[in-house]
C-alpha atoms as a PDB file:
ATOM      1  CA  MET A   1      24.775  27.843  25.676  1.00  0.00           C
ATOM      2  CA  LEU A   2      22.780  24.644  26.506  1.00  0.00           C
ATOM      3  CA  ASP A   3      24.288  22.027  28.453  1.00  0.00           C
ATOM      4  CA  PHE A   4      22.608  18.719  28.009  1.00  0.00           C
ATOM      5  CA  SER A   5      23.900  15.702  30.334  1.00  0.00           C
ATOM      6  CA  LEU A   6      23.907  12.258  29.437  1.00  0.00           C
ATOM      7  CA  TRP A   7      21.120  11.480  32.018  1.00  0.00           C
ATOM      8  CA  GLY A   8      18.754  14.264  29.801  1.00  0.00           C
ATOM      9  CA  TRP A   9      19.174  12.118  27.105  1.00  0.00           C
ATOM     10  CA  LEU A  10      18.974   8.632  28.347  1.00  0.00           C
ATOM     11  CA  PHE A  11      15.638   9.862  29.358  1.00  0.00           C
ATOM     12  CA  TRP A  12      13.797  10.279  26.014  1.00  0.00           C
ATOM     13  CA  ILE A  13      14.869   6.205  25.561  1.00  0.00           C
ATOM     14  CA  PRO A  14      11.987   5.268  27.020  1.00  0.00           C
ATOM     15  CA  VAL A  15       9.476   7.916  26.251  1.00  0.00           C
ATOM     16  CA  LEU A  16      10.407   6.635  22.205  1.00  0.00           C
ATOM     17  CA  ALA A  17      10.080   3.312  22.672  1.00  0.00           C
ATOM     18  CA  ALA A  18       6.544   3.877  24.678  1.00  0.00           C
ATOM     19  CA  GLU A  19       5.561   6.175  22.241  1.00  0.00           C
ATOM     20  CA  ALA A  20       6.399   3.665  19.021  1.00  0.00           C
ATOM     21  CA  LYS A  21       4.751   1.223  20.960  1.00  0.00           C
ATOM     22  CA  LEU A  22       1.435   2.761  20.955  1.00  0.00           C
ATOM     23  CA  ARG A  23       1.613   3.770  17.770  1.00  0.00           C
ATOM     24  CA  ARG A  24       1.967   0.341  16.451  1.00  0.00           C
ATOM     25  CA  ALA A  25      -0.984  -1.057  18.629  1.00  0.00           C
ATOM     26  CA  LYS A  26      -3.090   2.333  17.283  1.00  0.00           C
ATOM     27  CA  LYS A  27      -2.170   0.680  13.458  1.00  0.00           C
ATOM     28  CA  LEU A  28      -2.889  -2.856  14.855  1.00  0.00           C
ATOM     29  CA  GLY A  29      -6.174  -1.424  16.479  1.00  0.00           C
ATOM     30  CA  GLN A  30      -7.425   0.141  12.974  1.00  0.00           C
ATOM     31  CA  GLU A  31      -6.538  -2.625  10.873  1.00  0.00           C
ATOM     32  CA  ARG A  32      -8.940  -4.577  13.372  1.00  0.00           C
ATOM     33  CA  VAL A  33     -11.671  -2.418  12.936  1.00  0.00           C
ATOM     34  CA  VAL A  34     -10.980  -2.485   8.980  1.00  0.00           C
ATOM     35  CA  ALA A  35     -11.166  -6.206   8.580  1.00  0.00           C
ATOM     36  CA  ARG A  36     -13.999  -6.229  10.722  1.00  0.00           C
ATOM     37  CA  ILE A  37     -15.837  -3.954   8.546  1.00  0.00           C
ATOM     38  CA  GLN A  38     -14.815  -5.777   5.217  1.00  0.00           C
ATOM     39  CA  ALA A  39     -16.034  -9.135   7.185  1.00  0.00           C
ATOM     40  CA  ARG A  40     -19.360  -7.873   7.839  1.00  0.00           C
ATOM     41  CA  HIS A  41     -19.827  -6.193   4.845  1.00  0.00           C
ATOM     42  CA  ASP A  42     -18.717  -9.412   2.572  1.00  0.00           C
ATOM     43  CA  GLU A  43     -21.230 -11.246   4.978  1.00  0.00           C
ATOM     44  CA  ALA A  44     -24.302  -8.845   4.373  1.00  0.00           C
ATOM     45  CA  ARG A  45     -23.492  -9.056   0.234  1.00  0.00           C
ATOM     46  CA  SER A  46     -23.342 -13.084   0.405  1.00  0.00           C
ATOM     47  CA  LYS A  47     -26.189 -13.026   2.347  1.00  0.00           C
ATOM     48  CA  PRO A  48     -29.928 -13.400   0.039  1.00  0.00           C
ATOM     49  CA  SER A  49     -32.220 -10.060   0.789  1.00  0.00           C
ATOM     50  CA  ALA A  50     -35.122 -11.319   2.489  1.00  0.00           C
ATOM     51  CA  GLY A  51     -37.397  -9.054   1.050  1.00  0.00           C
ATOM     52  CA  VAL A  52     -36.753  -9.044  -2.577  1.00  0.00           C
ATOM     53  CA  ALA A  53     -38.095 -11.681  -4.955  1.00  0.00           C
END
């Protein structure tokens, strides 16, 4: 039978907190990249093409 101590369980609290923070940072980074690409796309669509008559 396995016996877990309280210290073993308390070890996971900062680990899970750090993992959640990293997941949020990754999501924020992805959102920023998508927003930057979308802004660049919108800017390109609003500019008239230089070589087209």
